[in-house]
């Protein structure tokens, strides 16, 4: 199969939530996004670009034990931006679920009130890892003192939200089967496998990036997607450079035996774990 266009990247992620007011308060105060639009039980948040959308489903339960979102990863423009966010989180005693040095990047992890996973990260210089992600990507404790050393005074460093230039760097998914996941993202969509942790996790990208999409079975081996009544992933956007490339990729999905669905912002397809992906431009 032909490779997907190298300029392809990830776009906004849409999630269902149980209480929109609670979600907006958290994602503005803790994560540092601002509301871009809001109407009829839904809202769009971001910086200078849209990063996440939320649709309220009152009473929805956290989505544990199913396929779906593992985390949405917000890539900040530089290391001082990551340090600024960490200083803000420390001052506000924000509960984190992890602080990891992956060599290719440094990452901070947390969960929102519906237990949607969030990663806030900064990349290390590309020349350190490009072409050898599978050999160097790892998980080690982050050097917090060194990271905060990017700031003159972490205790007083102002935090006005995540900066312009923040993007959805990657989306990490819970999947039921890693070989089937690789078969779809590599052989149908046309991404490259950059790293794989045996049968339990795989990382794929385009354009030489360390990963735009990851899938793991750590919590979801053999699982099914969530049914009604759960706060879950509604769609993750894959942004193609133009309509011709979007249609070419959608046609490959159709040739694989799946019927793509026309959607307001593009074409909706699903990976083998039924995770919804919006092909858009």
C-alpha atoms as a PDB file:
ATOM      1  CA  UNK A   1       0.000   0.000   0.000  1.00  0.00           C
ATOM      2  CA  UNK A   2       1.133   3.552  -0.716  1.00  0.00           C
ATOM      3  CA  UNK A   3       2.285   5.573   2.266  1.00  0.00           C
ATOM      4  CA  UNK A   4       0.064   8.281   3.654  1.00  0.00           C
ATOM      5  CA  UNK A   5       1.184  11.846   2.857  1.00  0.00           C
ATOM      6  CA  UNK A   6       4.161  12.893   5.040  1.00  0.00           C
ATOM      7  CA  UNK A   7       2.421  16.157   5.994  1.00  0.00           C
ATOM      8  CA  UNK A   8      -0.411  14.239   7.696  1.00  0.00           C
ATOM      9  CA  UNK A   9      -0.838  15.021  11.379  1.00  0.00           C
ATOM     10  CA  UNK A  10      -3.381  14.655  14.167  1.00  0.00           C
ATOM     11  CA  UNK A  11      -6.209  17.106  14.796  1.00  0.00           C
ATOM     12  CA  UNK A  12      -8.900  17.727  17.375  1.00  0.00           C
ATOM     13  CA  UNK A  13     -10.216  14.907  19.557  1.00  0.00           C
ATOM     14  CA  UNK A  14     -13.928  14.775  20.427  1.00  0.00           C
ATOM     15  CA  UNK A  15     -15.029  13.202  23.712  1.00  0.00           C
ATOM     16  CA  UNK A  16     -18.325  12.662  25.479  1.00  0.00           C
ATOM     17  CA  UNK A  17     -18.494  13.837  29.106  1.00  0.00           C
ATOM     18  CA  UNK A  18     -21.007  13.513  31.903  1.00  0.00           C
ATOM     19  CA  UNK A  19     -21.042  17.136  33.083  1.00  0.00           C
ATOM     20  CA  UNK A  20     -19.990  19.842  30.631  1.00  0.00           C
ATOM     21  CA  UNK A  21     -19.628  22.581  33.263  1.00  0.00           C
ATOM     22  CA  UNK A  22     -17.298  20.402  35.330  1.00  0.00           C
ATOM     23  CA  UNK A  23     -15.298  19.475  32.245  1.00  0.00           C
ATOM     24  CA  UNK A  24     -14.889  23.068  31.101  1.00  0.00           C
ATOM     25  CA  UNK A  25     -13.772  24.169  34.550  1.00  0.00           C
ATOM     26  CA  UNK A  26     -11.113  21.441  34.656  1.00  0.00           C
ATOM     27  CA  UNK A  27      -9.773  21.852  31.130  1.00  0.00           C
ATOM     28  CA  UNK A  28      -9.547  25.618  31.516  1.00  0.00           C
ATOM     29  CA  UNK A  29      -8.176  25.860  35.075  1.00  0.00           C
ATOM     30  CA  UNK A  30      -5.974  22.750  35.174  1.00  0.00           C
ATOM     31  CA  UNK A  31      -5.057  21.955  31.569  1.00  0.00           C
ATOM     32  CA  UNK A  32      -4.951  25.574  30.465  1.00  0.00           C
ATOM     33  CA  UNK A  33      -7.146  25.655  27.367  1.00  0.00           C
ATOM     34  CA  UNK A  34      -9.723  28.298  26.552  1.00  0.00           C
ATOM     35  CA  UNK A  35     -13.260  27.931  25.237  1.00  0.00           C
ATOM     36  CA  UNK A  36     -13.445  28.693  21.517  1.00  0.00           C
ATOM     37  CA  UNK A  37     -17.144  27.932  20.996  1.00  0.00           C
ATOM     38  CA  UNK A  38     -20.068  26.554  22.950  1.00  0.00           C
ATOM     39  CA  UNK A  39     -23.652  25.629  22.063  1.00  0.00           C
ATOM     40  CA  UNK A  40     -26.342  23.023  22.697  1.00  0.00           C
ATOM     41  CA  UNK A  41     -24.473  20.904  25.229  1.00  0.00           C
ATOM     42  CA  UNK A  42     -21.155  20.901  23.399  1.00  0.00           C
ATOM     43  CA  UNK A  43     -18.002  23.009  23.489  1.00  0.00           C
ATOM     44  CA  UNK A  44     -14.731  23.442  21.617  1.00  0.00           C
ATOM     45  CA  UNK A  45     -11.474  24.262  23.437  1.00  0.00           C
ATOM     46  CA  UNK A  46      -7.971  25.048  22.307  1.00  0.00           C
ATOM     47  CA  UNK A  47      -5.288  27.710  22.054  1.00  0.00           C
ATOM     48  CA  UNK A  48      -4.841  29.350  18.667  1.00  0.00           C
ATOM     49  CA  UNK A  49      -6.312  26.157  17.161  1.00  0.00           C
ATOM     50  CA  UNK A  50      -9.036  23.757  18.272  1.00  0.00           C
ATOM     51  CA  UNK A  51      -7.631  20.842  20.260  1.00  0.00           C
ATOM     52  CA  UNK A  52     -10.595  19.128  21.936  1.00  0.00           C
ATOM     53  CA  UNK A  53     -14.387  19.074  21.667  1.00  0.00           C
ATOM     54  CA  UNK A  54     -16.783  17.874  24.322  1.00  0.00           C
ATOM     55  CA  UNK A  55     -20.354  16.636  23.997  1.00  0.00           C
ATOM     56  CA  UNK A  56     -22.368  16.313  27.195  1.00  0.00           C
ATOM     57  CA  UNK A  57     -24.104  13.023  27.940  1.00  0.00           C
ATOM     58  CA  UNK A  58     -25.535  13.458  31.468  1.00  0.00           C
ATOM     59  CA  UNK A  59     -24.864  10.502  33.724  1.00  0.00           C
ATOM     60  CA  UNK A  60     -22.208   8.943  31.491  1.00  0.00           C
ATOM     61  CA  UNK A  61     -19.805   6.724  33.415  1.00  0.00           C
ATOM     62  CA  UNK A  62     -15.996   6.633  33.066  1.00  0.00           C
ATOM     63  CA  UNK A  63     -14.970   4.317  30.252  1.00  0.00           C
ATOM     64  CA  UNK A  64     -12.790   1.647  31.864  1.00  0.00           C
ATOM     65  CA  UNK A  65     -12.150  -1.824  30.490  1.00  0.00           C
ATOM     66  CA  UNK A  66     -13.114  -1.065  26.894  1.00  0.00           C
ATOM     67  CA  UNK A  67     -11.311  -0.066  23.754  1.00  0.00           C
ATOM     68  CA  UNK A  68     -11.197   3.704  23.276  1.00  0.00           C
ATOM     69  CA  UNK A  69      -8.974   6.592  24.297  1.00  0.00           C
ATOM     70  CA  UNK A  70      -5.871   5.933  26.387  1.00  0.00           C
ATOM     71  CA  UNK A  71      -4.830   9.584  26.233  1.00  0.00           C
ATOM     72  CA  UNK A  72      -4.869  12.638  24.021  1.00  0.00           C
ATOM     73  CA  UNK A  73      -1.381  14.161  23.911  1.00  0.00           C
ATOM     74  CA  UNK A  74      -0.985  17.938  23.771  1.00  0.00           C
ATOM     75  CA  UNK A  75       2.409  18.926  22.377  1.00  0.00           C
ATOM     76  CA  UNK A  76       3.669  22.285  23.662  1.00  0.00           C
ATOM     77  CA  UNK A  77       6.107  24.317  21.549  1.00  0.00           C
ATOM     78  CA  UNK A  78       9.187  24.081  23.792  1.00  0.00           C
ATOM     79  CA  UNK A  79      10.630  22.814  27.067  1.00  0.00           C
ATOM     80  CA  UNK A  80      10.083  26.056  29.038  1.00  0.00           C
ATOM     81  CA  UNK A  81       6.363  25.779  28.218  1.00  0.00           C
ATOM     82  CA  UNK A  82       6.323  22.288  29.722  1.00  0.00           C
ATOM     83  CA  UNK A  83       8.199  23.542  32.791  1.00  0.00           C
ATOM     84  CA  UNK A  84       5.724  26.400  33.154  1.00  0.00           C
ATOM     85  CA  UNK A  85       2.820  23.966  33.116  1.00  0.00           C
ATOM     86  CA  UNK A  86       4.503  21.700  35.685  1.00  0.00           C
ATOM     87  CA  UNK A  87       5.169  24.650  38.004  1.00  0.00           C
ATOM     88  CA  UNK A  88       1.500  25.624  37.736  1.00  0.00           C
ATOM     89  CA  UNK A  89       0.418  22.034  38.496  1.00  0.00           C
ATOM     90  CA  UNK A  90       2.722  21.860  41.513  1.00  0.00           C
ATOM     91  CA  UNK A  91       1.459  25.152  42.954  1.00  0.00           C
ATOM     92  CA  UNK A  92      -2.170  24.051  42.506  1.00  0.00           C
ATOM     93  CA  UNK A  93      -1.454  20.526  43.828  1.00  0.00           C
ATOM     94  CA  UNK A  94      -2.828  18.990  40.647  1.00  0.00           C
ATOM     95  CA  UNK A  95      -2.998  15.220  40.816  1.00  0.00           C
ATOM     96  CA  UNK A  96      -0.773  13.691  38.126  1.00  0.00           C
ATOM     97  CA  UNK A  97      -0.738  10.058  37.048  1.00  0.00           C
ATOM     98  CA  UNK A  98       2.817  10.095  35.690  1.00  0.00           C
ATOM     99  CA  UNK A  99       5.931  12.108  34.847  1.00  0.00           C
ATOM    100  CA  UNK A 100       8.014  10.323  32.228  1.00  0.00           C
ATOM    101  CA  UNK A 101      11.163  10.845  30.211  1.00  0.00           C
ATOM    102  CA  UNK A 102      10.679   8.952  26.952  1.00  0.00           C
ATOM    103  CA  UNK A 103      14.003  10.185  25.469  1.00  0.00           C
ATOM    104  CA  UNK A 104      12.136  11.347  22.368  1.00  0.00           C
ATOM    105  CA  UNK A 105      10.040  13.585  24.638  1.00  0.00           C
ATOM    106  CA  UNK A 106       9.295  14.558  28.230  1.00  0.00           C
ATOM    107  CA  UNK A 107       5.697  13.991  29.295  1.00  0.00           C
ATOM    108  CA  UNK A 108       3.296  14.761  32.136  1.00  0.00           C
ATOM    109  CA  UNK A 109       0.124  12.709  32.574  1.00  0.00           C
ATOM    110  CA  UNK A 110      -3.232  13.314  34.251  1.00  0.00           C
ATOM    111  CA  UNK A 111      -6.919  12.408  33.967  1.00  0.00           C
ATOM    112  CA  UNK A 112      -9.931  14.669  33.769  1.00  0.00           C
ATOM    113  CA  UNK A 113     -13.075  14.160  35.912  1.00  0.00           C
ATOM    114  CA  UNK A 114     -14.406  11.559  33.445  1.00  0.00           C
ATOM    115  CA  UNK A 115     -11.035   9.763  33.560  1.00  0.00           C
ATOM    116  CA  UNK A 116     -10.122  10.751  30.011  1.00  0.00           C
ATOM    117  CA  UNK A 117      -6.344  10.447  29.784  1.00  0.00           C
ATOM    118  CA  UNK A 118      -4.318  13.570  29.031  1.00  0.00           C
ATOM    119  CA  UNK A 119      -0.622  13.904  28.198  1.00  0.00           C
ATOM    120  CA  UNK A 120       1.138  17.270  28.082  1.00  0.00           C
ATOM    121  CA  UNK A 121       4.574  16.944  26.527  1.00  0.00           C
ATOM    122  CA  UNK A 122       7.515  18.590  24.809  1.00  0.00           C
ATOM    123  CA  UNK A 123       9.668  16.924  22.189  1.00  0.00           C
ATOM    124  CA  UNK A 124      13.392  16.518  22.472  1.00  0.00           C
ATOM    125  CA  UNK A 125      15.364  17.769  19.418  1.00  0.00           C
ATOM    126  CA  UNK A 126      14.460  15.656  16.413  1.00  0.00           C
ATOM    127  CA  UNK A 127      18.074  14.947  15.490  1.00  0.00           C
ATOM    128  CA  UNK A 128      18.431  12.939  18.714  1.00  0.00           C
ATOM    129  CA  UNK A 129      15.850  10.313  17.767  1.00  0.00           C
ATOM    130  CA  UNK A 130      14.720  10.532  14.143  1.00  0.00           C
ATOM    131  CA  UNK A 131      15.202   7.237  12.324  1.00  0.00           C
ATOM    132  CA  UNK A 132      15.863   5.249  15.502  1.00  0.00           C
ATOM    133  CA  UNK A 133      12.755   5.706  17.628  1.00  0.00           C
ATOM    134  CA  UNK A 134      12.416   1.968  18.220  1.00  0.00           C
ATOM    135  CA  UNK A 135      15.928   1.834  19.681  1.00  0.00           C
ATOM    136  CA  UNK A 136      15.869   4.908  21.916  1.00  0.00           C
ATOM    137  CA  UNK A 137      12.269   5.496  23.030  1.00  0.00           C
ATOM    138  CA  UNK A 138      11.890   4.436  26.649  1.00  0.00           C
ATOM    139  CA  UNK A 139      10.087   5.293  29.888  1.00  0.00           C
ATOM    140  CA  UNK A 140      12.162   6.637  32.754  1.00  0.00           C
ATOM    141  CA  UNK A 141      11.469   9.054  35.623  1.00  0.00           C
ATOM    142  CA  UNK A 142      11.554  12.676  34.531  1.00  0.00           C
ATOM    143  CA  UNK A 143      14.260  14.917  36.032  1.00  0.00           C
ATOM    144  CA  UNK A 144      11.858  17.377  37.658  1.00  0.00           C
ATOM    145  CA  UNK A 145      14.595  19.629  39.054  1.00  0.00           C
ATOM    146  CA  UNK A 146      16.254  19.908  35.659  1.00  0.00           C
ATOM    147  CA  UNK A 147      12.949  20.612  33.919  1.00  0.00           C
ATOM    148  CA  UNK A 148      11.942  23.312  36.399  1.00  0.00           C
ATOM    149  CA  UNK A 149      15.432  24.756  35.959  1.00  0.00           C
ATOM    150  CA  UNK A 150      14.155  26.165  32.665  1.00  0.00           C
ATOM    151  CA  UNK A 151      12.364  28.832  34.774  1.00  0.00           C
ATOM    152  CA  UNK A 152      13.865  31.688  36.806  1.00  0.00           C
ATOM    153  CA  UNK A 153      11.536  30.994  39.744  1.00  0.00           C
ATOM    154  CA  UNK A 154       9.027  28.128  39.462  1.00  0.00           C
ATOM    155  CA  UNK A 155       7.170  29.369  42.559  1.00  0.00           C
ATOM    156  CA  UNK A 156       6.245  32.669  40.938  1.00  0.00           C
ATOM    157  CA  UNK A 157       6.347  31.860  37.211  1.00  0.00           C
ATOM    158  CA  UNK A 158       3.041  33.096  35.736  1.00  0.00           C
ATOM    159  CA  UNK A 159       0.792  30.615  33.973  1.00  0.00           C
ATOM    160  CA  UNK A 160      -1.714  32.003  31.496  1.00  0.00           C
ATOM    161  CA  UNK A 161      -2.722  28.690  29.944  1.00  0.00           C
ATOM    162  CA  UNK A 162      -1.087  26.516  27.336  1.00  0.00           C
ATOM    163  CA  UNK A 163       0.629  28.680  24.729  1.00  0.00           C
ATOM    164  CA  UNK A 164      -0.324  29.279  21.120  1.00  0.00           C
ATOM    165  CA  UNK A 165       1.408  26.682  18.987  1.00  0.00           C
ATOM    166  CA  UNK A 166       0.225  23.810  21.178  1.00  0.00           C
ATOM    167  CA  UNK A 167      -1.123  20.988  18.984  1.00  0.00           C
ATOM    168  CA  UNK A 168      -2.449  17.457  19.319  1.00  0.00           C
ATOM    169  CA  UNK A 169       0.881  15.724  18.875  1.00  0.00           C
ATOM    170  CA  UNK A 170      -0.472  12.197  19.043  1.00  0.00           C
ATOM    171  CA  UNK A 171      -3.404  10.099  20.142  1.00  0.00           C
ATOM    172  CA  UNK A 172      -2.844   6.928  22.160  1.00  0.00           C
ATOM    173  CA  UNK A 173      -5.645   4.381  21.933  1.00  0.00           C
ATOM    174  CA  UNK A 174      -6.791   1.337  23.847  1.00  0.00           C
ATOM    175  CA  UNK A 175      -7.101  -1.494  21.349  1.00  0.00           C
ATOM    176  CA  UNK A 176      -8.128  -5.141  21.499  1.00  0.00           C
ATOM    177  CA  UNK A 177      -5.325  -6.609  19.379  1.00  0.00           C
ATOM    178  CA  UNK A 178      -2.018  -4.997  18.426  1.00  0.00           C
ATOM    179  CA  UNK A 179      -1.275  -7.014  15.244  1.00  0.00           C
ATOM    180  CA  UNK A 180      -4.708  -6.116  13.862  1.00  0.00           C
ATOM    181  CA  UNK A 181      -4.095  -2.484  14.829  1.00  0.00           C
ATOM    182  CA  UNK A 182      -0.776  -2.439  12.975  1.00  0.00           C
ATOM    183  CA  UNK A 183      -2.421  -4.095   9.997  1.00  0.00           C
ATOM    184  CA  UNK A 184      -4.927  -1.258   9.758  1.00  0.00           C
ATOM    185  CA  UNK A 185      -2.784   1.794  10.461  1.00  0.00           C
ATOM    186  CA  UNK A 186       0.206   0.564   8.452  1.00  0.00           C
ATOM    187  CA  UNK A 187      -1.277  -1.519   5.661  1.00  0.00           C
ATOM    188  CA  UNK A 188      -4.527   0.372   5.079  1.00  0.00           C
ATOM    189  CA  UNK A 189      -3.956   3.969   6.184  1.00  0.00           C
ATOM    190  CA  UNK A 190      -0.271   3.938   5.256  1.00  0.00           C
ATOM    191  CA  UNK A 191       1.532   4.995   8.457  1.00  0.00           C
ATOM    192  CA  UNK A 192       4.968   3.665   9.398  1.00  0.00           C
ATOM    193  CA  UNK A 193       5.640   1.560  12.487  1.00  0.00           C
ATOM    194  CA  UNK A 194       8.311   3.390  14.491  1.00  0.00           C
ATOM    195  CA  UNK A 195       8.375   1.185  17.613  1.00  0.00           C
ATOM    196  CA  UNK A 196       6.626  -1.869  18.974  1.00  0.00           C
ATOM    197  CA  UNK A 197       6.524  -3.439  22.432  1.00  0.00           C
ATOM    198  CA  UNK A 198       5.887  -7.007  21.339  1.00  0.00           C
ATOM    199  CA  UNK A 199       2.183  -7.862  21.118  1.00  0.00           C
ATOM    200  CA  UNK A 200       1.123  -5.260  23.694  1.00  0.00           C
ATOM    201  CA  UNK A 201       1.782  -1.845  22.104  1.00  0.00           C
ATOM    202  CA  UNK A 202       2.712  -0.263  18.795  1.00  0.00           C
ATOM    203  CA  UNK A 203       3.638   3.266  17.726  1.00  0.00           C
ATOM    204  CA  UNK A 204       3.085   4.611  14.222  1.00  0.00           C
ATOM    205  CA  UNK A 205       3.675   7.887  12.412  1.00  0.00           C
ATOM    206  CA  UNK A 206       4.195   9.658   9.144  1.00  0.00           C
ATOM    207  CA  UNK A 207       6.892  12.080   8.067  1.00  0.00           C
ATOM    208  CA  UNK A 208       9.483  10.580  10.409  1.00  0.00           C
ATOM    209  CA  UNK A 209       7.798  11.683  13.661  1.00  0.00           C
ATOM    210  CA  UNK A 210       8.197   9.413  16.702  1.00  0.00           C
ATOM    211  CA  UNK A 211       4.453   8.658  16.756  1.00  0.00           C
ATOM    212  CA  UNK A 212       1.164  10.196  15.742  1.00  0.00           C
ATOM    213  CA  UNK A 213      -0.871   7.160  16.800  1.00  0.00           C
ATOM    214  CA  UNK A 214      -0.225   4.493  19.414  1.00  0.00           C
ATOM    215  CA  UNK A 215      -2.282   1.487  20.421  1.00  0.00           C
ATOM    216  CA  UNK A 216      -1.931  -0.731  23.461  1.00  0.00           C
ATOM    217  CA  UNK A 217      -3.734  -3.662  25.091  1.00  0.00           C
ATOM    218  CA  UNK A 218      -2.576  -2.953  28.664  1.00  0.00           C
ATOM    219  CA  UNK A 219      -6.170  -2.427  29.810  1.00  0.00           C
ATOM    220  CA  UNK A 220      -8.104  -3.693  26.795  1.00  0.00           C
ATOM    221  CA  UNK A 221      -6.804  -7.023  25.447  1.00  0.00           C
ATOM    222  CA  UNK A 222      -9.719  -8.644  23.634  1.00  0.00           C
ATOM    223  CA  UNK A 223     -12.089  -5.904  24.812  1.00  0.00           C
ATOM    224  CA  UNK A 224     -15.078  -4.419  23.048  1.00  0.00           C
ATOM    225  CA  UNK A 225     -15.887  -0.710  22.571  1.00  0.00           C
ATOM    226  CA  UNK A 226     -18.009   0.955  25.224  1.00  0.00           C
ATOM    227  CA  UNK A 227     -21.743   0.916  24.726  1.00  0.00           C
ATOM    228  CA  UNK A 228     -24.218   3.657  25.579  1.00  0.00           C
ATOM    229  CA  UNK A 229     -23.857   5.401  28.912  1.00  0.00           C
ATOM    230  CA  UNK A 230     -20.072   5.825  28.956  1.00  0.00           C
ATOM    231  CA  UNK A 231     -17.925   8.945  28.592  1.00  0.00           C
ATOM    232  CA  UNK A 232     -15.803   7.919  25.666  1.00  0.00           C
ATOM    233  CA  UNK A 233     -13.976   8.791  22.456  1.00  0.00           C
ATOM    234  CA  UNK A 234     -16.318  10.112  19.758  1.00  0.00           C
ATOM    235  CA  UNK A 235     -13.643  10.782  17.130  1.00  0.00           C
ATOM    236  CA  UNK A 236      -9.947  11.503  16.684  1.00  0.00           C
ATOM    237  CA  UNK A 237      -9.092  13.596  13.640  1.00  0.00           C
ATOM    238  CA  UNK A 238      -6.371  12.647  11.177  1.00  0.00           C
ATOM    239  CA  UNK A 239      -5.608  15.764   9.138  1.00  0.00           C
ATOM    240  CA  UNK A 240      -4.605  15.153   5.529  1.00  0.00           C
ATOM    241  CA  UNK A 241      -2.961  17.868   3.396  1.00  0.00           C
ATOM    242  CA  UNK A 242      -5.816  18.101   0.890  1.00  0.00           C
ATOM    243  CA  UNK A 243      -9.123  16.596  -0.177  1.00  0.00           C
ATOM    244  CA  UNK A 244      -7.489  14.395  -2.805  1.00  0.00           C
ATOM    245  CA  UNK A 245      -5.313  12.686  -0.196  1.00  0.00           C
ATOM    246  CA  UNK A 246      -8.253  12.342   2.176  1.00  0.00           C
ATOM    247  CA  UNK A 247     -10.306  10.667  -0.533  1.00  0.00           C
ATOM    248  CA  UNK A 248      -7.400   8.430  -1.538  1.00  0.00           C
ATOM    249  CA  UNK A 249      -7.006   7.183   2.040  1.00  0.00           C
ATOM    250  CA  UNK A 250     -10.773   6.749   2.428  1.00  0.00           C
ATOM    251  CA  UNK A 251     -10.803   4.690  -0.765  1.00  0.00           C
ATOM    252  CA  UNK A 252      -8.133   2.387   0.672  1.00  0.00           C
ATOM    253  CA  UNK A 253     -10.314   1.885   3.737  1.00  0.00           C
ATOM    254  CA  UNK A 254     -13.247   1.039   1.456  1.00  0.00           C
ATOM    255  CA  UNK A 255     -11.057  -1.424  -0.468  1.00  0.00           C
ATOM    256  CA  UNK A 256     -10.249  -3.137   2.837  1.00  0.00           C
ATOM    257  CA  UNK A 257     -13.940  -3.982   3.256  1.00  0.00           C
ATOM    258  CA  UNK A 258     -15.117  -1.156   5.508  1.00  0.00           C
ATOM    259  CA  UNK A 259     -17.684   1.400   4.394  1.00  0.00           C
ATOM    260  CA  UNK A 260     -16.464   4.927   5.280  1.00  0.00           C
ATOM    261  CA  UNK A 261     -19.174   7.279   6.569  1.00  0.00           C
ATOM    262  CA  UNK A 262     -19.676  10.841   5.341  1.00  0.00           C
ATOM    263  CA  UNK A 263     -19.421  13.264   8.281  1.00  0.00           C
ATOM    264  CA  UNK A 264     -19.813  17.009   8.704  1.00  0.00           C
ATOM    265  CA  UNK A 265     -16.069  17.637   8.889  1.00  0.00           C
ATOM    266  CA  UNK A 266     -14.770  14.793   6.733  1.00  0.00           C
ATOM    267  CA  UNK A 267     -14.968  11.019   6.422  1.00  0.00           C
ATOM    268  CA  UNK A 268     -15.398   8.748   9.432  1.00  0.00           C
ATOM    269  CA  UNK A 269     -13.647   5.370   9.529  1.00  0.00           C
ATOM    270  CA  UNK A 270     -12.927   2.926  12.347  1.00  0.00           C
ATOM    271  CA  UNK A 271      -9.888   0.915  13.315  1.00  0.00           C
ATOM    272  CA  UNK A 272     -10.227  -2.797  14.201  1.00  0.00           C
ATOM    273  CA  UNK A 273     -11.056  -1.878  17.817  1.00  0.00           C
ATOM    274  CA  UNK A 274     -13.912   0.335  16.541  1.00  0.00           C
ATOM    275  CA  UNK A 275     -12.063   3.508  17.542  1.00  0.00           C
ATOM    276  CA  UNK A 276     -13.590   6.298  15.393  1.00  0.00           C
ATOM    277  CA  UNK A 277     -11.203   8.296  13.197  1.00  0.00           C
ATOM    278  CA  UNK A 278     -12.176  11.392  11.224  1.00  0.00           C
ATOM    279  CA  UNK A 279     -10.239  11.800   7.975  1.00  0.00           C
ATOM    280  CA  UNK A 280     -10.261  15.545   7.390  1.00  0.00           C
ATOM    281  CA  UNK A 281      -8.281  18.384   5.802  1.00  0.00           C
END
